[in-house]
Amino acid sequence: MAVSRQVDLLEPINLAEHLDKVELYLGQVCQIAGISKMQLDYWTNKAQIPTKGKKQRIYDIDALETVMLIKQAKDKGLNLGAAIEAAQNFREQRPGL
């Protein structure tokens, strides 16, 4: 019964409320987005994706979303320049930002 009372104290956690605190390293972003480290490095420079960190790039959730949008556009046949532009336009036009 003691365990049951402990469980009753807990409430669901909305992880979406905490995503702004997430920081990912280059390898983690590559794994999530399904791209190589070389691609990510190149895209980061070309798209001017903001990162933190001095010795190693650290990406926040917004940067990860941008990378994933670029990947999606590239997978649909756009060249890198058009993919970057599409990702930027999508993020700018999305309601709630």
PDB file of N, CA and C in Angstrom:
ATOM      1  N   MET A   1       0.802  -1.204   0.000  1.00  0.00           N
ATOM      2  CA  MET A   1       0.000   0.000   0.000  1.00  0.00           C
ATOM      3  C   MET A   1       0.843   1.265   0.000  1.00  0.00           C
ATOM      4  N   ALA A   2       1.996   1.212   0.576  1.00  0.00           N
ATOM      5  CA  ALA A   2       2.858   2.383   0.627  1.00  0.00           C
ATOM      6  C   ALA A   2       3.236   2.850  -0.782  1.00  0.00           C
ATOM      7  N   VAL A   3       3.493   1.897  -1.669  1.00  0.00           N
ATOM      8  CA  VAL A   3       3.844   2.236  -3.052  1.00  0.00           C
ATOM      9  C   VAL A   3       2.669   2.915  -3.738  1.00  0.00           C
ATOM     10  N   SER A   4       1.474   2.432  -3.505  1.00  0.00           N
ATOM     11  CA  SER A   4       0.282   3.014  -4.109  1.00  0.00           C
ATOM     12  C   SER A   4       0.115   4.480  -3.700  1.00  0.00           C
ATOM     13  N   ARG A   5       0.356   4.787  -2.456  1.00  0.00           N
ATOM     14  CA  ARG A   5       0.246   6.176  -1.993  1.00  0.00           C
ATOM     15  C   ARG A   5       1.322   7.049  -2.627  1.00  0.00           C
ATOM     16  N   GLN A   6       2.505   6.484  -2.812  1.00  0.00           N
ATOM     17  CA  GLN A   6       3.578   7.246  -3.454  1.00  0.00           C
ATOM     18  C   GLN A   6       3.219   7.567  -4.901  1.00  0.00           C
ATOM     19  N   VAL A   7       2.686   6.607  -5.606  1.00  0.00           N
ATOM     20  CA  VAL A   7       2.292   6.800  -7.002  1.00  0.00           C
ATOM     21  C   VAL A   7       1.174   7.836  -7.101  1.00  0.00           C
ATOM     22  N   ASP A   8       0.262   7.827  -6.143  1.00  0.00           N
ATOM     23  CA  ASP A   8      -0.844   8.784  -6.152  1.00  0.00           C
ATOM     24  C   ASP A   8      -0.360  10.222  -6.013  1.00  0.00           C
ATOM     25  N   LEU A   9       0.829  10.431  -5.495  1.00  0.00           N
ATOM     26  CA  LEU A   9       1.381  11.777  -5.338  1.00  0.00           C
ATOM     27  C   LEU A   9       1.873  12.363  -6.661  1.00  0.00           C
ATOM     28  N   LEU A  10       2.166  11.495  -7.608  1.00  0.00           N
ATOM     29  CA  LEU A  10       2.754  11.930  -8.872  1.00  0.00           C
ATOM     30  C   LEU A  10       1.693  12.396  -9.858  1.00  0.00           C
ATOM     31  N   GLU A  11       2.102  13.346 -10.717  1.00  0.00           N
ATOM     32  CA  GLU A  11       1.227  13.868 -11.761  1.00  0.00           C
ATOM     33  C   GLU A  11       1.953  13.757 -13.096  1.00  0.00           C
ATOM     34  N   PRO A  12       1.215  13.711 -14.207  1.00  0.00           N
ATOM     35  CA  PRO A  12       1.863  13.644 -15.522  1.00  0.00           C
ATOM     36  C   PRO A  12       2.746  14.878 -15.750  1.00  0.00           C
ATOM     37  N   ILE A  13       3.823  14.658 -16.474  1.00  0.00           N
ATOM     38  CA  ILE A  13       4.748  15.743 -16.792  1.00  0.00           C
ATOM     39  C   ILE A  13       4.610  16.073 -18.275  1.00  0.00           C
ATOM     40  N   ASN A  14       4.472  17.342 -18.577  1.00  0.00           N
ATOM     41  CA  ASN A  14       4.404  17.798 -19.957  1.00  0.00           C
ATOM     42  C   ASN A  14       5.825  18.120 -20.418  1.00  0.00           C
ATOM     43  N   LEU A  15       6.452  17.184 -21.099  1.00  0.00           N
ATOM     44  CA  LEU A  15       7.838  17.372 -21.528  1.00  0.00           C
ATOM     45  C   LEU A  15       7.992  18.532 -22.509  1.00  0.00           C
ATOM     46  N   ALA A  16       6.959  18.826 -23.280  1.00  0.00           N
ATOM     47  CA  ALA A  16       7.029  19.927 -24.245  1.00  0.00           C
ATOM     48  C   ALA A  16       7.350  21.257 -23.564  1.00  0.00           C
ATOM     49  N   GLU A  17       6.937  21.393 -22.315  1.00  0.00           N
ATOM     50  CA  GLU A  17       7.205  22.630 -21.576  1.00  0.00           C
ATOM     51  C   GLU A  17       8.681  22.790 -21.229  1.00  0.00           C
ATOM     52  N   HIS A  18       9.453  21.733 -21.368  1.00  0.00           N
ATOM     53  CA  HIS A  18      10.857  21.752 -20.960  1.00  0.00           C
ATOM     54  C   HIS A  18      11.829  21.632 -22.134  1.00  0.00           C
ATOM     55  N   LEU A  19      11.307  21.532 -23.343  1.00  0.00           N
ATOM     56  CA  LEU A  19      12.173  21.319 -24.497  1.00  0.00           C
ATOM     57  C   LEU A  19      13.118  22.486 -24.765  1.00  0.00           C
ATOM     58  N   ASP A  20      12.743  23.683 -24.342  1.00  0.00           N
ATOM     59  CA  ASP A  20      13.612  24.840 -24.572  1.00  0.00           C
ATOM     60  C   ASP A  20      14.919  24.744 -23.786  1.00  0.00           C
ATOM     61  N   LYS A  21      14.984  23.823 -22.836  1.00  0.00           N
ATOM     62  CA  LYS A  21      16.186  23.639 -22.017  1.00  0.00           C
ATOM     63  C   LYS A  21      17.119  22.570 -22.589  1.00  0.00           C
ATOM     64  N   VAL A  22      16.644  21.823 -23.581  1.00  0.00           N
ATOM     65  CA  VAL A  22      17.422  20.720 -24.138  1.00  0.00           C
ATOM     66  C   VAL A  22      18.560  21.271 -24.992  1.00  0.00           C
ATOM     67  N   GLU A  23      19.747  20.698 -24.791  1.00  0.00           N
ATOM     68  CA  GLU A  23      20.912  21.026 -25.599  1.00  0.00           C
ATOM     69  C   GLU A  23      21.500  19.726 -26.133  1.00  0.00           C
ATOM     70  N   LEU A  24      21.746  19.694 -27.437  1.00  0.00           N
ATOM     71  CA  LEU A  24      22.219  18.492 -28.091  1.00  0.00           C
ATOM     72  C   LEU A  24      23.569  18.729 -28.749  1.00  0.00           C
ATOM     73  N   TYR A  25      24.431  17.728 -28.690  1.00  0.00           N
ATOM     74  CA  TYR A  25      25.713  17.795 -29.368  1.00  0.00           C
ATOM     75  C   TYR A  25      25.557  17.387 -30.823  1.00  0.00           C
ATOM     76  N   LEU A  26      26.561  17.710 -31.610  1.00  0.00           N
ATOM     77  CA  LEU A  26      26.543  17.457 -33.041  1.00  0.00           C
ATOM     78  C   LEU A  26      26.155  16.018 -33.368  1.00  0.00           C
ATOM     79  N   GLY A  27      26.761  15.051 -32.718  1.00  0.00           N
ATOM     80  CA  GLY A  27      26.457  13.644 -32.980  1.00  0.00           C
ATOM     81  C   GLY A  27      25.018  13.286 -32.680  1.00  0.00           C
ATOM     82  N   GLN A  28      24.461  13.871 -31.638  1.00  0.00           N
ATOM     83  CA  GLN A  28      23.068  13.598 -31.283  1.00  0.00           C
ATOM     84  C   GLN A  28      22.122  14.163 -32.334  1.00  0.00           C
ATOM     85  N   VAL A  29      22.410  15.368 -32.810  1.00  0.00           N
ATOM     86  CA  VAL A  29      21.578  15.984 -33.855  1.00  0.00           C
ATOM     87  C   VAL A  29      21.642  15.137 -35.125  1.00  0.00           C
ATOM     88  N   CYS A  30      22.835  14.681 -35.473  1.00  0.00           N
ATOM     89  CA  CYS A  30      22.992  13.834 -36.659  1.00  0.00           C
ATOM     90  C   CYS A  30      22.173  12.556 -36.541  1.00  0.00           C
ATOM     91  N   GLN A  31      22.221  11.947 -35.375  1.00  0.00           N
ATOM     92  CA  GLN A  31      21.485  10.697 -35.159  1.00  0.00           C
ATOM     93  C   GLN A  31      19.978  10.934 -35.272  1.00  0.00           C
ATOM     94  N   ILE A  32      19.487  12.005 -34.672  1.00  0.00           N
ATOM     95  CA  ILE A  32      18.051  12.294 -34.716  1.00  0.00           C
ATOM     96  C   ILE A  32      17.600  12.641 -36.134  1.00  0.00           C
ATOM     97  N   ALA A  33      18.382  13.472 -36.823  1.00  0.00           N
ATOM     98  CA  ALA A  33      17.996  13.943 -38.163  1.00  0.00           C
ATOM     99  C   ALA A  33      18.310  12.939 -39.265  1.00  0.00           C
ATOM    100  N   GLY A  34      19.206  11.989 -38.985  1.00  0.00           N
ATOM    101  CA  GLY A  34      19.559  11.004 -39.999  1.00  0.00           C
ATOM    102  C   GLY A  34      20.500  11.553 -41.057  1.00  0.00           C
ATOM    103  N   ILE A  35      21.454  12.386 -40.637  1.00  0.00           N
ATOM    104  CA  ILE A  35      22.434  12.959 -41.559  1.00  0.00           C
ATOM    105  C   ILE A  35      23.837  12.738 -40.993  1.00  0.00           C
ATOM    106  N   SER A  36      24.839  12.966 -41.833  1.00  0.00           N
ATOM    107  CA  SER A  36      26.217  12.793 -41.399  1.00  0.00           C
ATOM    108  C   SER A  36      26.717  14.056 -40.677  1.00  0.00           C
ATOM    109  N   LYS A  37      27.800  13.893 -39.951  1.00  0.00           N
ATOM    110  CA  LYS A  37      28.400  15.039 -39.261  1.00  0.00           C
ATOM    111  C   LYS A  37      28.897  16.076 -40.264  1.00  0.00           C
ATOM    112  N   MET A  38      29.392  15.595 -41.395  1.00  0.00           N
ATOM    113  CA  MET A  38      29.859  16.500 -42.441  1.00  0.00           C
ATOM    114  C   MET A  38      28.702  17.327 -43.002  1.00  0.00           C
ATOM    115  N   GLN A  39      27.557  16.679 -43.228  1.00  0.00           N
ATOM    116  CA  GLN A  39      26.374  17.400 -43.714  1.00  0.00           C
ATOM    117  C   GLN A  39      25.938  18.446 -42.695  1.00  0.00           C
ATOM    118  N   LEU A  40      25.853  18.046 -41.437  1.00  0.00           N
ATOM    119  CA  LEU A  40      25.392  18.970 -40.401  1.00  0.00           C
ATOM    120  C   LEU A  40      26.322  20.170 -40.292  1.00  0.00           C
ATOM    121  N   ASP A  41      27.606  19.929 -40.329  1.00  0.00           N
ATOM    122  CA  ASP A  41      28.570  21.014 -40.243  1.00  0.00           C
ATOM    123  C   ASP A  41      28.386  21.976 -41.420  1.00  0.00           C
ATOM    124  N   TYR A  42      28.239  21.432 -42.616  1.00  0.00           N
ATOM    125  CA  TYR A  42      28.058  22.245 -43.812  1.00  0.00           C
ATOM    126  C   TYR A  42      26.734  23.024 -43.757  1.00  0.00           C
ATOM    127  N   TRP A  43      25.652  22.340 -43.405  1.00  0.00           N
ATOM    128  CA  TRP A  43      24.346  22.990 -43.318  1.00  0.00           C
ATOM    129  C   TRP A  43      24.347  24.082 -42.262  1.00  0.00           C
ATOM    130  N   THR A  44      25.007  23.833 -41.126  1.00  0.00           N
ATOM    131  CA  THR A  44      25.068  24.823 -40.048  1.00  0.00           C
ATOM    132  C   THR A  44      25.705  26.112 -40.549  1.00  0.00           C
ATOM    133  N   ASN A  45      26.775  25.971 -41.323  1.00  0.00           N
ATOM    134  CA  ASN A  45      27.443  27.151 -41.876  1.00  0.00           C
ATOM    135  C   ASN A  45      26.602  27.817 -42.952  1.00  0.00           C
ATOM    136  N   LYS A  46      26.088  27.037 -43.896  1.00  0.00           N
ATOM    137  CA  LYS A  46      25.309  27.582 -45.013  1.00  0.00           C
ATOM    138  C   LYS A  46      24.017  28.254 -44.553  1.00  0.00           C
ATOM    139  N   ALA A  47      23.311  27.621 -43.613  1.00  0.00           N
ATOM    140  CA  ALA A  47      22.020  28.140 -43.149  1.00  0.00           C
ATOM    141  C   ALA A  47      22.179  29.091 -41.968  1.00  0.00           C
ATOM    142  N   GLN A  48      23.416  29.273 -41.524  1.00  0.00           N
ATOM    143  CA  GLN A  48      23.704  30.125 -40.363  1.00  0.00           C
ATOM    144  C   GLN A  48      22.841  29.731 -39.165  1.00  0.00           C
ATOM    145  N   ILE A  49      22.830  28.436 -38.888  1.00  0.00           N
ATOM    146  CA  ILE A  49      22.073  27.909 -37.752  1.00  0.00           C
ATOM    147  C   ILE A  49      22.828  28.268 -36.482  1.00  0.00           C
ATOM    148  N   PRO A  50      22.178  28.976 -35.565  1.00  0.00           N
ATOM    149  CA  PRO A  50      22.876  29.368 -34.336  1.00  0.00           C
ATOM    150  C   PRO A  50      23.181  28.171 -33.437  1.00  0.00           C
ATOM    151  N   THR A  51      24.395  28.164 -32.900  1.00  0.00           N
ATOM    152  CA  THR A  51      24.810  27.119 -31.966  1.00  0.00           C
ATOM    153  C   THR A  51      25.496  27.768 -30.778  1.00  0.00           C
ATOM    154  N   LYS A  52      25.601  26.996 -29.717  1.00  0.00           N
ATOM    155  CA  LYS A  52      26.333  27.439 -28.527  1.00  0.00           C
ATOM    156  C   LYS A  52      27.600  26.610 -28.437  1.00  0.00           C
ATOM    157  N   GLY A  53      28.431  26.966 -27.492  1.00  0.00           N
ATOM    158  CA  GLY A  53      29.637  26.184 -27.261  1.00  0.00           C
ATOM    159  C   GLY A  53      30.816  26.733 -28.029  1.00  0.00           C
ATOM    160  N   LYS A  54      31.976  26.539 -27.482  1.00  0.00           N
ATOM    161  CA  LYS A  54      33.195  27.017 -28.121  1.00  0.00           C
ATOM    162  C   LYS A  54      33.984  25.870 -28.747  1.00  0.00           C
ATOM    163  N   LYS A  55      34.274  24.847 -27.981  1.00  0.00           N
ATOM    164  CA  LYS A  55      35.047  23.719 -28.502  1.00  0.00           C
ATOM    165  C   LYS A  55      34.172  22.773 -29.319  1.00  0.00           C
ATOM    166  N   GLN A  56      32.924  22.623 -28.918  1.00  0.00           N
ATOM    167  CA  GLN A  56      31.999  21.730 -29.610  1.00  0.00           C
ATOM    168  C   GLN A  56      30.664  22.445 -29.780  1.00  0.00           C
ATOM    169  N   ARG A  57      30.094  22.317 -30.967  1.00  0.00           N
ATOM    170  CA  ARG A  57      28.806  22.967 -31.217  1.00  0.00           C
ATOM    171  C   ARG A  57      27.711  22.293 -30.402  1.00  0.00           C
ATOM    172  N   ILE A  58      26.845  23.114 -29.840  1.00  0.00           N
ATOM    173  CA  ILE A  58      25.689  22.631 -29.091  1.00  0.00           C
ATOM    174  C   ILE A  58      24.452  23.233 -29.734  1.00  0.00           C
ATOM    175  N   TYR A  59      23.493  22.387 -30.045  1.00  0.00           N
ATOM    176  CA  TYR A  59      22.276  22.789 -30.744  1.00  0.00           C
ATOM    177  C   TYR A  59      21.095  22.772 -29.787  1.00  0.00           C
ATOM    178  N   ASP A  60      20.219  23.788 -29.895  1.00  0.00           N
ATOM    179  CA  ASP A  60      18.984  23.769 -29.111  1.00  0.00           C
ATOM    180  C   ASP A  60      17.872  23.156 -29.964  1.00  0.00           C
ATOM    181  N   ILE A  61      16.689  23.086 -29.405  1.00  0.00           N
ATOM    182  CA  ILE A  61      15.558  22.453 -30.100  1.00  0.00           C
ATOM    183  C   ILE A  61      15.189  23.200 -31.377  1.00  0.00           C
ATOM    184  N   ASP A  62      15.264  24.521 -31.369  1.00  0.00           N
ATOM    185  CA  ASP A  62      14.958  25.294 -32.580  1.00  0.00           C
ATOM    186  C   ASP A  62      15.942  24.963 -33.696  1.00  0.00           C
ATOM    187  N   ALA A  63      17.215  24.838 -33.348  1.00  0.00           N
ATOM    188  CA  ALA A  63      18.229  24.487 -34.343  1.00  0.00           C
ATOM    189  C   ALA A  63      17.967  23.082 -34.884  1.00  0.00           C
ATOM    190  N   LEU A  64      17.622  22.157 -34.000  1.00  0.00           N
ATOM    191  CA  LEU A  64      17.303  20.794 -34.430  1.00  0.00           C
ATOM    192  C   LEU A  64      16.120  20.801 -35.397  1.00  0.00           C
ATOM    193  N   GLU A  65      15.103  21.587 -35.085  1.00  0.00           N
ATOM    194  CA  GLU A  65      13.941  21.657 -35.974  1.00  0.00           C
ATOM    195  C   GLU A  65      14.347  22.182 -37.345  1.00  0.00           C
ATOM    196  N   THR A  66      15.186  23.206 -37.375  1.00  0.00           N
ATOM    197  CA  THR A  66      15.649  23.754 -38.647  1.00  0.00           C
ATOM    198  C   THR A  66      16.386  22.697 -39.453  1.00  0.00           C
ATOM    199  N   VAL A  67      17.272  21.963 -38.805  1.00  0.00           N
ATOM    200  CA  VAL A  67      18.016  20.892 -39.475  1.00  0.00           C
ATOM    201  C   VAL A  67      17.055  19.850 -40.034  1.00  0.00           C
ATOM    202  N   MET A  68      16.069  19.471 -39.258  1.00  0.00           N
ATOM    203  CA  MET A  68      15.127  18.442 -39.701  1.00  0.00           C
ATOM    204  C   MET A  68      14.243  18.940 -40.843  1.00  0.00           C
ATOM    205  N   LEU A  69      13.908  20.229 -40.840  1.00  0.00           N
ATOM    206  CA  LEU A  69      13.139  20.795 -41.956  1.00  0.00           C
ATOM    207  C   LEU A  69      13.984  20.825 -43.232  1.00  0.00           C
ATOM    208  N   ILE A  70      15.250  21.175 -43.100  1.00  0.00           N
ATOM    209  CA  ILE A  70      16.142  21.159 -44.259  1.00  0.00           C
ATOM    210  C   ILE A  70      16.253  19.744 -44.806  1.00  0.00           C
ATOM    211  N   LYS A  71      16.419  18.778 -43.928  1.00  0.00           N
ATOM    212  CA  LYS A  71      16.514  17.369 -44.339  1.00  0.00           C
ATOM    213  C   LYS A  71      15.240  16.939 -45.065  1.00  0.00           C
ATOM    214  N   GLN A  72      14.091  17.330 -44.519  1.00  0.00           N
ATOM    215  CA  GLN A  72      12.812  16.981 -45.145  1.00  0.00           C
ATOM    216  C   GLN A  72      12.723  17.568 -46.550  1.00  0.00           C
ATOM    217  N   ALA A  73      13.120  18.838 -46.701  1.00  0.00           N
ATOM    218  CA  ALA A  73      13.073  19.489 -48.012  1.00  0.00           C
ATOM    219  C   ALA A  73      14.045  18.838 -48.987  1.00  0.00           C
ATOM    220  N   LYS A  74      15.240  18.490 -48.512  1.00  0.00           N
ATOM    221  CA  LYS A  74      16.219  17.806 -49.368  1.00  0.00           C
ATOM    222  C   LYS A  74      15.678  16.444 -49.802  1.00  0.00           C
ATOM    223  N   ASP A  75      15.046  15.728 -48.888  1.00  0.00           N
ATOM    224  CA  ASP A  75      14.472  14.417 -49.217  1.00  0.00           C
ATOM    225  C   ASP A  75      13.366  14.536 -50.261  1.00  0.00           C
ATOM    226  N   LYS A  76      12.738  15.695 -50.338  1.00  0.00           N
ATOM    227  CA  LYS A  76      11.664  15.920 -51.315  1.00  0.00           C
ATOM    228  C   LYS A  76      12.201  16.462 -52.633  1.00  0.00           C
ATOM    229  N   GLY A  77      13.532  16.559 -52.753  1.00  0.00           N
ATOM    230  CA  GLY A  77      14.138  16.903 -54.033  1.00  0.00           C
ATOM    231  C   GLY A  77      14.675  18.316 -54.170  1.00  0.00           C
ATOM    232  N   LEU A  78      14.561  19.139 -53.148  1.00  0.00           N
ATOM    233  CA  LEU A  78      15.084  20.497 -53.239  1.00  0.00           C
ATOM    234  C   LEU A  78      16.601  20.493 -53.079  1.00  0.00           C
ATOM    235  N   ASN A  79      17.258  21.432 -53.780  1.00  0.00           N
ATOM    236  CA  ASN A  79      18.693  21.571 -53.554  1.00  0.00           C
ATOM    237  C   ASN A  79      18.891  22.258 -52.206  1.00  0.00           C
ATOM    238  N   LEU A  80      20.128  22.303 -51.722  1.00  0.00           N
ATOM    239  CA  LEU A  80      20.377  22.810 -50.374  1.00  0.00           C
ATOM    240  C   LEU A  80      19.909  24.249 -50.202  1.00  0.00           C
ATOM    241  N   GLY A  81      20.189  25.113 -51.144  1.00  0.00           N
ATOM    242  CA  GLY A  81      19.768  26.514 -51.038  1.00  0.00           C
ATOM    243  C   GLY A  81      18.257  26.647 -50.918  1.00  0.00           C
ATOM    244  N   ALA A  82      17.547  25.928 -51.754  1.00  0.00           N
ATOM    245  CA  ALA A  82      16.081  25.962 -51.723  1.00  0.00           C
ATOM    246  C   ALA A  82      15.553  25.323 -50.436  1.00  0.00           C
ATOM    247  N   ALA A  83      16.230  24.281 -49.968  1.00  0.00           N
ATOM    248  CA  ALA A  83      15.811  23.603 -48.738  1.00  0.00           C
ATOM    249  C   ALA A  83      15.968  24.532 -47.538  1.00  0.00           C
ATOM    250  N   ILE A  84      17.068  25.259 -47.487  1.00  0.00           N
ATOM    251  CA  ILE A  84      17.299  26.217 -46.398  1.00  0.00           C
ATOM    252  C   ILE A  84      16.244  27.313 -46.436  1.00  0.00           C
ATOM    253  N   GLU A  85      15.968  27.823 -47.623  1.00  0.00           N
ATOM    254  CA  GLU A  85      14.964  28.877 -47.777  1.00  0.00           C
ATOM    255  C   GLU A  85      13.574  28.364 -47.368  1.00  0.00           C
ATOM    256  N   ALA A  86      13.242  27.151 -47.778  1.00  0.00           N
ATOM    257  CA  ALA A  86      11.943  26.570 -47.429  1.00  0.00           C
ATOM    258  C   ALA A  86      11.823  26.405 -45.915  1.00  0.00           C
ATOM    259  N   ALA A  87      12.886  25.941 -45.269  1.00  0.00           N
ATOM    260  CA  ALA A  87      12.862  25.751 -43.813  1.00  0.00           C
ATOM    261  C   ALA A  87      12.692  27.087 -43.099  1.00  0.00           C
ATOM    262  N   GLN A  88      13.415  28.107 -43.557  1.00  0.00           N
ATOM    263  CA  GLN A  88      13.296  29.425 -42.937  1.00  0.00           C
ATOM    264  C   GLN A  88      11.899  30.003 -43.129  1.00  0.00           C
ATOM    265  N   ASN A  89      11.365  29.879 -44.342  1.00  0.00           N
ATOM    266  CA  ASN A  89      10.015  30.378 -44.614  1.00  0.00           C
ATOM    267  C   ASN A  89       8.967  29.642 -43.788  1.00  0.00           C
ATOM    268  N   PHE A  90       9.115  28.342 -43.669  1.00  0.00           N
ATOM    269  CA  PHE A  90       8.170  27.555 -42.880  1.00  0.00           C
ATOM    270  C   PHE A  90       8.156  28.031 -41.429  1.00  0.00           C
ATOM    271  N   ARG A  91       9.341  28.219 -40.864  1.00  0.00           N
ATOM    272  CA  ARG A  91       9.434  28.648 -39.461  1.00  0.00           C
ATOM    273  C   ARG A  91       8.869  30.071 -39.276  1.00  0.00           C
ATOM    274  N   GLU A  92       9.077  30.932 -40.243  1.00  0.00           N
ATOM    275  CA  GLU A  92       8.570  32.312 -40.142  1.00  0.00           C
ATOM    276  C   GLU A  92       7.055  32.374 -40.283  1.00  0.00           C
ATOM    277  N   GLN A  93       6.484  31.534 -41.117  1.00  0.00           N
ATOM    278  CA  GLN A  93       5.055  31.595 -41.417  1.00  0.00           C
ATOM    279  C   GLN A  93       4.203  30.777 -40.464  1.00  0.00           C
ATOM    280  N   ARG A  94       4.833  29.942 -39.654  1.00  0.00           N
ATOM    281  CA  ARG A  94       4.067  29.092 -38.746  1.00  0.00           C
ATOM    282  C   ARG A  94       3.401  29.944 -37.673  1.00  0.00           C
ATOM    283  N   PRO A  95       2.129  29.746 -37.459  1.00  0.00           N
ATOM    284  CA  PRO A  95       1.448  30.517 -36.408  1.00  0.00           C
ATOM    285  C   PRO A  95       1.975  30.182 -35.020  1.00  0.00           C
ATOM    286  N   GLY A  96       1.969  31.162 -34.162  1.00  0.00           N
ATOM    287  CA  GLY A  96       2.377  30.942 -32.788  1.00  0.00           C
ATOM    288  C   GLY A  96       3.832  31.216 -32.518  1.00  0.00           C
ATOM    289  N   LEU A  97       4.575  31.670 -33.519  1.00  0.00           N
ATOM    290  CA  LEU A  97       5.997  31.989 -33.293  1.00  0.00           C
ATOM    291  C   LEU A  97       6.204  33.478 -33.270  1.00  0.00           C
TER     292      LEU A  97
END
